[in-house]
């Protein structure tokens, strides 16, 4: 019977380190989860703060496309100044084409 008592002591001796390890892992996962949630919130806020700039950039891009299209139409109709603009833009690697109907 002394063997049973020794086994029980060995089991109890291992219980505390196992419980501490499980607790430490749980705390680690909990802290990581909190950090991920905070980071996600910060990224969402940053994205929201950038929306105004993105919308302004999109508006400017549309205005530039309209201007470039109108310049290409004028060049196709024979306007000398518009032809010069289209030619200079072509030399710089930009293609101005009339808007598609």
PDB file of N, CA and C in Angstrom:
ATOM      1  N   UNK A   1       0.792  -1.196   0.000  1.00  0.00           N
ATOM      2  CA  UNK A   1       0.000   0.000   0.000  1.00  0.00           C
ATOM      3  C   UNK A   1       0.844   1.274   0.000  1.00  0.00           C
ATOM      4  N   UNK A   2       2.056   1.270   0.416  1.00  0.00           N
ATOM      5  CA  UNK A   2       2.836   2.492   0.382  1.00  0.00           C
ATOM      6  C   UNK A   2       3.025   2.997  -1.045  1.00  0.00           C
ATOM      7  N   UNK A   3       2.963   2.124  -2.028  1.00  0.00           N
ATOM      8  CA  UNK A   3       3.123   2.561  -3.411  1.00  0.00           C
ATOM      9  C   UNK A   3       1.984   3.479  -3.827  1.00  0.00           C
ATOM     10  N   UNK A   4       0.759   3.203  -3.398  1.00  0.00           N
ATOM     11  CA  UNK A   4      -0.396   4.028  -3.741  1.00  0.00           C
ATOM     12  C   UNK A   4      -0.226   5.421  -3.165  1.00  0.00           C
ATOM     13  N   UNK A   5       0.219   5.536  -1.965  1.00  0.00           N
ATOM     14  CA  UNK A   5       0.421   6.836  -1.335  1.00  0.00           C
ATOM     15  C   UNK A   5       1.495   7.621  -2.087  1.00  0.00           C
ATOM     16  N   UNK A   6       2.527   6.962  -2.542  1.00  0.00           N
ATOM     17  CA  UNK A   6       3.590   7.630  -3.292  1.00  0.00           C
ATOM     18  C   UNK A   6       3.063   8.128  -4.637  1.00  0.00           C
ATOM     19  N   UNK A   7       2.228   7.310  -5.281  1.00  0.00           N
ATOM     20  CA  UNK A   7       1.650   7.724  -6.567  1.00  0.00           C
ATOM     21  C   UNK A   7       0.738   8.924  -6.386  1.00  0.00           C
ATOM     22  N   UNK A   8      -0.051   8.949  -5.305  1.00  0.00           N
ATOM     23  CA  UNK A   8      -0.938  10.075  -5.057  1.00  0.00           C
ATOM     24  C   UNK A   8      -0.133  11.335  -4.792  1.00  0.00           C
ATOM     25  N   UNK A   9       0.950  11.216  -4.069  1.00  0.00           N
ATOM     26  CA  UNK A   9       1.802  12.375  -3.815  1.00  0.00           C
ATOM     27  C   UNK A   9       2.434  12.869  -5.120  1.00  0.00           C
ATOM     28  N   UNK A  10       2.814  11.939  -5.965  1.00  0.00           N
ATOM     29  CA  UNK A  10       3.402  12.320  -7.256  1.00  0.00           C
ATOM     30  C   UNK A  10       2.368  13.027  -8.116  1.00  0.00           C
ATOM     31  N   UNK A  11       1.133  12.542  -8.101  1.00  0.00           N
ATOM     32  CA  UNK A  11       0.064  13.188  -8.865  1.00  0.00           C
ATOM     33  C   UNK A  11      -0.203  14.588  -8.330  1.00  0.00           C
ATOM     34  N   UNK A  12      -0.247  14.739  -7.014  1.00  0.00           N
ATOM     35  CA  UNK A  12      -0.476  16.062  -6.419  1.00  0.00           C
ATOM     36  C   UNK A  12       0.720  16.973  -6.660  1.00  0.00           C
ATOM     37  N   UNK A  13       1.891  16.395  -6.690  1.00  0.00           N
ATOM     38  CA  UNK A  13       3.094  17.188  -6.942  1.00  0.00           C
ATOM     39  C   UNK A  13       3.118  17.733  -8.364  1.00  0.00           C
ATOM     40  N   UNK A  14       2.531  17.051  -9.308  1.00  0.00           N
ATOM     41  CA  UNK A  14       2.481  17.495 -10.703  1.00  0.00           C
ATOM     42  C   UNK A  14       1.289  18.405 -10.969  1.00  0.00           C
ATOM     43  N   UNK A  15       0.296  18.379 -10.119  1.00  0.00           N
ATOM     44  CA  UNK A  15      -0.923  19.152 -10.335  1.00  0.00           C
ATOM     45  C   UNK A  15      -0.658  20.653 -10.312  1.00  0.00           C
ATOM     46  N   UNK A  16       0.103  21.123  -9.371  1.00  0.00           N
ATOM     47  CA  UNK A  16       0.372  22.554  -9.245  1.00  0.00           C
ATOM     48  C   UNK A  16       1.125  23.112 -10.469  1.00  0.00           C
ATOM     49  N   UNK A  17       2.212  22.486 -10.912  1.00  0.00           N
ATOM     50  CA  UNK A  17       2.888  23.015 -12.111  1.00  0.00           C
ATOM     51  C   UNK A  17       1.996  22.986 -13.355  1.00  0.00           C
ATOM     52  N   UNK A  18       1.180  21.950 -13.493  1.00  0.00           N
ATOM     53  CA  UNK A  18       0.286  21.873 -14.646  1.00  0.00           C
ATOM     54  C   UNK A  18      -0.751  22.979 -14.574  1.00  0.00           C
ATOM     55  N   UNK A  19      -1.335  23.205 -13.410  1.00  0.00           N
ATOM     56  CA  UNK A  19      -2.321  24.277 -13.253  1.00  0.00           C
ATOM     57  C   UNK A  19      -1.701  25.647 -13.506  1.00  0.00           C
ATOM     58  N   UNK A  20      -0.502  25.861 -13.002  1.00  0.00           N
ATOM     59  CA  UNK A  20       0.175  27.138 -13.235  1.00  0.00           C
ATOM     60  C   UNK A  20       0.483  27.343 -14.716  1.00  0.00           C
ATOM     61  N   UNK A  21       0.872  26.282 -15.388  1.00  0.00           N
ATOM     62  CA  UNK A  21       1.154  26.369 -16.828  1.00  0.00           C
ATOM     63  C   UNK A  21      -0.116  26.700 -17.603  1.00  0.00           C
ATOM     64  N   UNK A  22      -1.204  26.036 -17.272  1.00  0.00           N
ATOM     65  CA  UNK A  22      -2.487  26.292 -17.942  1.00  0.00           C
ATOM     66  C   UNK A  22      -2.928  27.724 -17.677  1.00  0.00           C
ATOM     67  N   UNK A  23      -2.803  28.180 -16.437  1.00  0.00           N
ATOM     68  CA  UNK A  23      -3.172  29.548 -16.091  1.00  0.00           C
ATOM     69  C   UNK A  23      -2.312  30.553 -16.854  1.00  0.00           C
ATOM     70  N   UNK A  24      -1.015  30.303 -16.937  1.00  0.00           N
ATOM     71  CA  UNK A  24      -0.105  31.204 -17.659  1.00  0.00           C
ATOM     72  C   UNK A  24      -0.474  31.253 -19.141  1.00  0.00           C
ATOM     73  N   UNK A  25      -0.773  30.113 -19.730  1.00  0.00           N
ATOM     74  CA  UNK A  25      -1.166  30.092 -21.141  1.00  0.00           C
ATOM     75  C   UNK A  25      -2.479  30.832 -21.358  1.00  0.00           C
ATOM     76  N   UNK A  26      -3.430  30.637 -20.449  1.00  0.00           N
ATOM     77  CA  UNK A  26      -4.708  31.338 -20.555  1.00  0.00           C
ATOM     78  C   UNK A  26      -4.501  32.850 -20.483  1.00  0.00           C
ATOM     79  N   UNK A  27      -3.684  33.293 -19.541  1.00  0.00           N
ATOM     80  CA  UNK A  27      -3.410  34.729 -19.419  1.00  0.00           C
ATOM     81  C   UNK A  27      -2.704  35.272 -20.657  1.00  0.00           C
ATOM     82  N   UNK A  28      -1.786  34.507 -21.190  1.00  0.00           N
ATOM     83  CA  UNK A  28      -1.084  34.923 -22.402  1.00  0.00           C
ATOM     84  C   UNK A  28      -2.052  35.090 -23.564  1.00  0.00           C
ATOM     85  N   UNK A  29      -2.926  34.126 -23.748  1.00  0.00           N
ATOM     86  CA  UNK A  29      -3.916  34.201 -24.823  1.00  0.00           C
ATOM     87  C   UNK A  29      -4.858  35.372 -24.593  1.00  0.00           C
ATOM     88  N   UNK A  30      -5.283  35.586 -23.354  1.00  0.00           N
ATOM     89  CA  UNK A  30      -6.186  36.695 -23.039  1.00  0.00           C
ATOM     90  C   UNK A  30      -5.525  38.034 -23.346  1.00  0.00           C
ATOM     91  N   UNK A  31      -4.269  38.200 -22.951  1.00  0.00           N
ATOM     92  CA  UNK A  31      -3.559  39.452 -23.215  1.00  0.00           C
ATOM     93  C   UNK A  31      -3.365  39.678 -24.717  1.00  0.00           C
ATOM     94  N   UNK A  32      -3.037  38.623 -25.428  1.00  0.00           N
ATOM     95  CA  UNK A  32      -2.877  38.743 -26.881  1.00  0.00           C
ATOM     96  C   UNK A  32      -4.201  39.122 -27.539  1.00  0.00           C
ATOM     97  N   UNK A  33      -5.287  38.553 -27.055  1.00  0.00           N
ATOM     98  CA  UNK A  33      -6.604  38.876 -27.607  1.00  0.00           C
ATOM     99  C   UNK A  33      -6.940  40.343 -27.373  1.00  0.00           C
ATOM    100  N   UNK A  34      -6.672  40.828 -26.177  1.00  0.00           N
ATOM    101  CA  UNK A  34      -6.919  42.241 -25.876  1.00  0.00           C
ATOM    102  C   UNK A  34      -6.079  43.125 -26.794  1.00  0.00           C
ATOM    103  N   UNK A  35      -4.833  42.773 -27.015  1.00  0.00           N
ATOM    104  CA  UNK A  35      -3.960  43.564 -27.887  1.00  0.00           C
ATOM    105  C   UNK A  35      -4.464  43.562 -29.320  1.00  0.00           C
ATOM    106  N   UNK A  36      -4.906  42.420 -29.804  1.00  0.00           N
ATOM    107  CA  UNK A  36      -5.417  42.330 -31.175  1.00  0.00           C
ATOM    108  C   UNK A  36      -6.686  43.179 -31.327  1.00  0.00           C
ATOM    109  N   UNK A  37      -7.550  43.140 -30.330  1.00  0.00           N
ATOM    110  CA  UNK A  37      -8.777  43.947 -30.382  1.00  0.00           C
ATOM    111  C   UNK A  37      -8.432  45.438 -30.378  1.00  0.00           C
ATOM    112  N   UNK A  38      -7.473  45.843 -29.561  1.00  0.00           N
ATOM    113  CA  UNK A  38      -7.042  47.254 -29.554  1.00  0.00           C
ATOM    114  C   UNK A  38      -6.447  47.657 -30.899  1.00  0.00           C
ATOM    115  N   UNK A  39      -5.590  46.817 -31.452  1.00  0.00           N
ATOM    116  CA  UNK A  39      -4.986  47.111 -32.756  1.00  0.00           C
ATOM    117  C   UNK A  39      -6.049  47.233 -33.840  1.00  0.00           C
ATOM    118  N   UNK A  40      -7.033  46.348 -33.793  1.00  0.00           N
ATOM    119  CA  UNK A  40      -8.112  46.398 -34.779  1.00  0.00           C
ATOM    120  C   UNK A  40      -8.873  47.718 -34.658  1.00  0.00           C
ATOM    121  N   UNK A  41      -9.164  48.130 -33.448  1.00  0.00           N
ATOM    122  CA  UNK A  41      -9.851  49.400 -33.235  1.00  0.00           C
ATOM    123  C   UNK A  41      -9.042  50.573 -33.765  1.00  0.00           C
ATOM    124  N   UNK A  42      -7.740  50.538 -33.532  1.00  0.00           N
ATOM    125  CA  UNK A  42      -6.876  51.618 -34.022  1.00  0.00           C
ATOM    126  C   UNK A  42      -6.848  51.640 -35.546  1.00  0.00           C
ATOM    127  N   UNK A  43      -6.809  50.473 -36.177  1.00  0.00           N
ATOM    128  CA  UNK A  43      -6.805  50.415 -37.639  1.00  0.00           C
ATOM    129  C   UNK A  43      -8.128  50.903 -38.216  1.00  0.00           C
ATOM    130  N   UNK A  44      -9.226  50.561 -37.582  1.00  0.00           N
ATOM    131  CA  UNK A  44     -10.531  51.028 -38.042  1.00  0.00           C
ATOM    132  C   UNK A  44     -10.602  52.553 -37.941  1.00  0.00           C
ATOM    133  N   UNK A  45     -10.123  53.104 -36.830  1.00  0.00           N
ATOM    134  CA  UNK A  45     -10.123  54.563 -36.656  1.00  0.00           C
ATOM    135  C   UNK A  45      -9.224  55.237 -37.688  1.00  0.00           C
ATOM    136  N   UNK A  46      -8.064  54.641 -37.952  1.00  0.00           N
ATOM    137  CA  UNK A  46      -7.147  55.216 -38.940  1.00  0.00           C
ATOM    138  C   UNK A  46      -7.766  55.210 -40.328  1.00  0.00           C
ATOM    139  N   UNK A  47      -8.409  54.105 -40.669  1.00  0.00           N
ATOM    140  CA  UNK A  47      -9.061  54.012 -41.981  1.00  0.00           C
ATOM    141  C   UNK A  47     -10.164  55.051 -42.098  1.00  0.00           C
ATOM    142  N   UNK A  48     -10.945  55.230 -41.055  1.00  0.00           N
ATOM    143  CA  UNK A  48     -12.016  56.225 -41.080  1.00  0.00           C
ATOM    144  C   UNK A  48     -11.439  57.632 -41.249  1.00  0.00           C
ATOM    145  N   UNK A  49     -10.304  57.902 -40.620  1.00  0.00           N
ATOM    146  CA  UNK A  49      -9.694  59.231 -40.737  1.00  0.00           C
ATOM    147  C   UNK A  49      -9.150  59.482 -42.140  1.00  0.00           C
ATOM    148  N   UNK A  50      -8.857  58.415 -42.879  1.00  0.00           N
ATOM    149  CA  UNK A  50      -8.324  58.554 -44.228  1.00  0.00           C
ATOM    150  C   UNK A  50      -9.409  58.694 -45.294  1.00  0.00           C
ATOM    151  N   UNK A  51     -10.655  58.411 -44.942  1.00  0.00           N
ATOM    152  CA  UNK A  51     -11.739  58.413 -45.930  1.00  0.00           C
ATOM    153  C   UNK A  51     -11.888  59.759 -46.620  1.00  0.00           C
ATOM    154  N   UNK A  52     -11.777  60.861 -45.879  1.00  0.00           N
ATOM    155  CA  UNK A  52     -11.919  62.185 -46.487  1.00  0.00           C
ATOM    156  C   UNK A  52     -10.840  62.407 -47.551  1.00  0.00           C
ATOM    157  N   UNK A  53      -9.616  61.999 -47.260  1.00  0.00           N
ATOM    158  CA  UNK A  53      -8.522  62.152 -48.226  1.00  0.00           C
ATOM    159  C   UNK A  53      -8.748  61.272 -49.452  1.00  0.00           C
ATOM    160  N   UNK A  54      -9.228  60.075 -49.235  1.00  0.00           N
ATOM    161  CA  UNK A  54      -9.488  59.161 -50.351  1.00  0.00           C
ATOM    162  C   UNK A  54     -10.577  59.732 -51.247  1.00  0.00           C
ATOM    163  N   UNK A  55     -11.637  60.255 -50.649  1.00  0.00           N
ATOM    164  CA  UNK A  55     -12.724  60.826 -51.432  1.00  0.00           C
ATOM    165  C   UNK A  55     -12.268  62.065 -52.195  1.00  0.00           C
ATOM    166  N   UNK A  56     -11.442  62.897 -51.561  1.00  0.00           N
ATOM    167  CA  UNK A  56     -10.916  64.082 -52.241  1.00  0.00           C
ATOM    168  C   UNK A  56     -10.024  63.668 -53.414  1.00  0.00           C
ATOM    169  N   UNK A  57      -9.214  62.652 -53.216  1.00  0.00           N
ATOM    170  CA  UNK A  57      -8.357  62.154 -54.300  1.00  0.00           C
ATOM    171  C   UNK A  57      -9.166  61.589 -55.455  1.00  0.00           C
ATOM    172  N   UNK A  58     -10.230  60.870 -55.141  1.00  0.00           N
ATOM    173  CA  UNK A  58     -11.097  60.316 -56.184  1.00  0.00           C
ATOM    174  C   UNK A  58     -11.768  61.442 -56.975  1.00  0.00           C
ATOM    175  N   UNK A  59     -12.221  62.469 -56.278  1.00  0.00           N
ATOM    176  CA  UNK A  59     -12.859  63.611 -56.948  1.00  0.00           C
ATOM    177  C   UNK A  59     -11.854  64.307 -57.878  1.00  0.00           C
ATOM    178  N   UNK A  60     -10.636  64.499 -57.389  1.00  0.00           N
ATOM    179  CA  UNK A  60      -9.595  65.136 -58.206  1.00  0.00           C
ATOM    180  C   UNK A  60      -9.261  64.283 -59.426  1.00  0.00           C
ATOM    181  N   UNK A  61      -9.173  62.968 -59.239  1.00  0.00           N
ATOM    182  CA  UNK A  61      -8.886  62.075 -60.362  1.00  0.00           C
ATOM    183  C   UNK A  61      -9.979  62.175 -61.427  1.00  0.00           C
ATOM    184  N   UNK A  62     -11.224  62.210 -60.998  1.00  0.00           N
ATOM    185  CA  UNK A  62     -12.331  62.329 -61.955  1.00  0.00           C
ATOM    186  C   UNK A  62     -12.277  63.659 -62.692  1.00  0.00           C
ATOM    187  N   UNK A  63     -11.941  64.735 -61.977  1.00  0.00           N
ATOM    188  CA  UNK A  63     -11.821  66.042 -62.625  1.00  0.00           C
ATOM    189  C   UNK A  63     -10.693  66.039 -63.655  1.00  0.00           C
ATOM    190  N   UNK A  64      -9.568  65.414 -63.307  1.00  0.00           N
ATOM    191  CA  UNK A  64      -8.442  65.347 -64.236  1.00  0.00           C
ATOM    192  C   UNK A  64      -8.787  64.505 -65.467  1.00  0.00           C
ATOM    193  N   UNK A  65      -9.504  63.409 -65.267  1.00  0.00           N
ATOM    194  CA  UNK A  65      -9.911  62.584 -66.397  1.00  0.00           C
ATOM    195  C   UNK A  65     -10.858  63.360 -67.323  1.00  0.00           C
ATOM    196  N   UNK A  66     -11.758  64.125 -66.729  1.00  0.00           N
ATOM    197  CA  UNK A  66     -12.677  64.942 -67.527  1.00  0.00           C
ATOM    198  C   UNK A  66     -11.905  65.989 -68.319  1.00  0.00           C
ATOM    199  N   UNK A  67     -10.982  66.670 -67.655  1.00  0.00           N
ATOM    200  CA  UNK A  67     -10.172  67.695 -68.321  1.00  0.00           C
ATOM    201  C   UNK A  67      -9.328  67.089 -69.441  1.00  0.00           C
ATOM    202  N   UNK A  68      -8.711  65.942 -69.167  1.00  0.00           N
ATOM    203  CA  UNK A  68      -7.899  65.282 -70.187  1.00  0.00           C
ATOM    204  C   UNK A  68      -8.761  64.852 -71.363  1.00  0.00           C
ATOM    205  N   UNK A  69      -9.934  64.330 -71.090  1.00  0.00           N
ATOM    206  CA  UNK A  69     -10.843  63.918 -72.167  1.00  0.00           C
ATOM    207  C   UNK A  69     -11.287  65.092 -73.019  1.00  0.00           C
ATOM    208  N   UNK A  70     -11.614  66.203 -72.365  1.00  0.00           N
ATOM    209  CA  UNK A  70     -12.040  67.392 -73.108  1.00  0.00           C
ATOM    210  C   UNK A  70     -10.891  67.956 -73.937  1.00  0.00           C
ATOM    211  N   UNK A  71      -9.682  67.899 -73.386  1.00  0.00           N
ATOM    212  CA  UNK A  71      -8.511  68.361 -74.145  1.00  0.00           C
ATOM    213  C   UNK A  71      -8.288  67.474 -75.362  1.00  0.00           C
ATOM    214  N   UNK A  72      -8.455  66.163 -75.215  1.00  0.00           N
ATOM    215  CA  UNK A  72      -8.302  65.252 -76.349  1.00  0.00           C
ATOM    216  C   UNK A  72      -9.372  65.514 -77.402  1.00  0.00           C
ATOM    217  N   UNK A  73     -10.586  65.813 -76.982  1.00  0.00           N
ATOM    218  CA  UNK A  73     -11.664  66.130 -77.938  1.00  0.00           C
ATOM    219  C   UNK A  73     -11.300  67.389 -78.709  1.00  0.00           C
ATOM    220  N   UNK A  74     -10.833  68.417 -78.001  1.00  0.00           N
ATOM    221  CA  UNK A  74     -10.445  69.658 -78.683  1.00  0.00           C
ATOM    222  C   UNK A  74      -9.301  69.404 -79.659  1.00  0.00           C
ATOM    223  N   UNK A  75      -8.336  68.572 -79.276  1.00  0.00           N
ATOM    224  CA  UNK A  75      -7.214  68.259 -80.167  1.00  0.00           C
ATOM    225  C   UNK A  75      -7.719  67.539 -81.416  1.00  0.00           C
ATOM    226  N   UNK A  76      -8.649  66.616 -81.245  1.00  0.00           N
ATOM    227  CA  UNK A  76      -9.210  65.902 -82.395  1.00  0.00           C
ATOM    228  C   UNK A  76     -10.009  66.825 -83.309  1.00  0.00           C
ATOM    229  N   UNK A  77     -10.562  67.895 -82.736  1.00  0.00           N
ATOM    230  CA  UNK A  77     -11.330  68.857 -83.530  1.00  0.00           C
ATOM    231  C   UNK A  77     -10.429  69.887 -84.202  1.00  0.00           C
ATOM    232  N   UNK A  78      -9.124  69.833 -83.916  1.00  0.00           N
ATOM    233  CA  UNK A  78      -8.178  70.700 -84.604  1.00  0.00           C
ATOM    234  C   UNK A  78      -7.636  71.852 -83.799  1.00  0.00           C
ATOM    235  N   UNK A  79      -7.941  71.991 -82.550  1.00  0.00           N
ATOM    236  CA  UNK A  79      -7.439  73.082 -81.721  1.00  0.00           C
ATOM    237  C   UNK A  79      -5.929  72.918 -81.557  1.00  0.00           C
ATOM    238  N   UNK A  80      -5.168  73.939 -81.971  1.00  0.00           N
ATOM    239  CA  UNK A  80      -3.708  73.865 -81.977  1.00  0.00           C
ATOM    240  C   UNK A  80      -3.131  73.766 -80.562  1.00  0.00           C
ATOM    241  N   UNK A  81      -3.655  74.545 -79.648  1.00  0.00           N
ATOM    242  CA  UNK A  81      -3.147  74.525 -78.273  1.00  0.00           C
ATOM    243  C   UNK A  81      -3.413  73.154 -77.632  1.00  0.00           C
ATOM    244  N   UNK A  82      -4.583  72.600 -77.884  1.00  0.00           N
ATOM    245  CA  UNK A  82      -4.919  71.288 -77.341  1.00  0.00           C
ATOM    246  C   UNK A  82      -4.013  70.219 -77.955  1.00  0.00           C
ATOM    247  N   UNK A  83      -3.712  70.364 -79.249  1.00  0.00           N
ATOM    248  CA  UNK A  83      -2.797  69.412 -79.888  1.00  0.00           C
ATOM    249  C   UNK A  83      -1.417  69.470 -79.240  1.00  0.00           C
ATOM    250  N   UNK A  84      -0.958  70.692 -78.933  1.00  0.00           N
ATOM    251  CA  UNK A  84       0.344  70.841 -78.268  1.00  0.00           C
ATOM    252  C   UNK A  84       0.336  70.165 -76.890  1.00  0.00           C
ATOM    253  N   UNK A  85      -0.752  70.355 -76.142  1.00  0.00           N
ATOM    254  CA  UNK A  85      -0.862  69.748 -74.817  1.00  0.00           C
ATOM    255  C   UNK A  85      -0.835  68.225 -74.936  1.00  0.00           C
ATOM    256  N   UNK A  86      -1.618  67.682 -75.870  1.00  0.00           N
ATOM    257  CA  UNK A  86      -1.669  66.230 -76.059  1.00  0.00           C
ATOM    258  C   UNK A  86      -0.292  65.701 -76.453  1.00  0.00           C
ATOM    259  N   UNK A  87       0.406  66.429 -77.325  1.00  0.00           N
ATOM    260  CA  UNK A  87       1.738  66.003 -77.762  1.00  0.00           C
ATOM    261  C   UNK A  87       2.739  66.037 -76.596  1.00  0.00           C
ATOM    262  N   UNK A  88       2.720  67.101 -75.798  1.00  0.00           N
ATOM    263  CA  UNK A  88       3.625  67.198 -74.654  1.00  0.00           C
ATOM    264  C   UNK A  88       3.336  66.092 -73.622  1.00  0.00           C
ATOM    265  N   UNK A  89       2.076  65.812 -73.408  1.00  0.00           N
ATOM    266  CA  UNK A  89       1.713  64.749 -72.469  1.00  0.00           C
ATOM    267  C   UNK A  89       2.170  63.393 -73.016  1.00  0.00           C
ATOM    268  N   UNK A  90       2.043  63.197 -74.329  1.00  0.00           N
ATOM    269  CA  UNK A  90       2.482  61.949 -74.931  1.00  0.00           C
ATOM    270  C   UNK A  90       3.982  61.770 -74.750  1.00  0.00           C
ATOM    271  N   UNK A  91       4.743  62.839 -74.901  1.00  0.00           N
ATOM    272  CA  UNK A  91       6.195  62.776 -74.724  1.00  0.00           C
ATOM    273  C   UNK A  91       6.566  62.404 -73.284  1.00  0.00           C
ATOM    274  N   UNK A  92       5.721  62.755 -72.337  1.00  0.00           N
ATOM    275  CA  UNK A  92       5.977  62.445 -70.931  1.00  0.00           C
ATOM    276  C   UNK A  92       5.397  61.097 -70.524  1.00  0.00           C
ATOM    277  N   UNK A  93       4.772  60.416 -71.484  1.00  0.00           N
ATOM    278  CA  UNK A  93       4.277  59.073 -71.206  1.00  0.00           C
ATOM    279  C   UNK A  93       2.807  58.987 -70.853  1.00  0.00           C
ATOM    280  N   UNK A  94       2.078  60.090 -71.003  1.00  0.00           N
ATOM    281  CA  UNK A  94       0.646  60.095 -70.710  1.00  0.00           C
ATOM    282  C   UNK A  94      -0.151  60.123 -71.998  1.00  0.00           C
ATOM    283  N   UNK A  95      -1.200  59.359 -72.044  1.00  0.00           N
ATOM    284  CA  UNK A  95      -2.056  59.325 -73.218  1.00  0.00           C
ATOM    285  C   UNK A  95      -3.390  59.975 -72.868  1.00  0.00           C
ATOM    286  N   UNK A  96      -3.701  61.043 -73.572  1.00  0.00           N
ATOM    287  CA  UNK A  96      -4.990  61.693 -73.387  1.00  0.00           C
ATOM    288  C   UNK A  96      -5.911  61.190 -74.490  1.00  0.00           C
ATOM    289  N   UNK A  97      -6.984  60.594 -74.095  1.00  0.00           N
ATOM    290  CA  UNK A  97      -7.932  60.088 -75.081  1.00  0.00           C
ATOM    291  C   UNK A  97      -9.314  60.641 -74.770  1.00  0.00           C
ATOM    292  N   UNK A  98     -10.127  60.822 -75.820  1.00  0.00           N
ATOM    293  CA  UNK A  98     -11.460  61.364 -75.605  1.00  0.00           C
ATOM    294  C   UNK A  98     -12.299  60.404 -74.756  1.00  0.00           C
ATOM    295  N   UNK A  99     -13.254  60.941 -74.019  1.00  0.00           N
ATOM    296  CA  UNK A  99     -14.092  60.075 -73.182  1.00  0.00           C
ATOM    297  C   UNK A  99     -14.900  59.105 -74.044  1.00  0.00           C
ATOM    298  N   UNK A 100     -15.136  57.942 -73.483  1.00  0.00           N
ATOM    299  CA  UNK A 100     -15.923  56.943 -74.200  1.00  0.00           C
ATOM    300  C   UNK A 100     -17.407  57.257 -74.020  1.00  0.00           C
ATOM    301  N   UNK A 101     -18.163  57.126 -75.103  1.00  0.00           N
ATOM    302  CA  UNK A 101     -19.596  57.449 -74.994  1.00  0.00           C
ATOM    303  C   UNK A 101     -20.350  56.437 -74.155  1.00  0.00           C
TER     304      UNK A 101
END
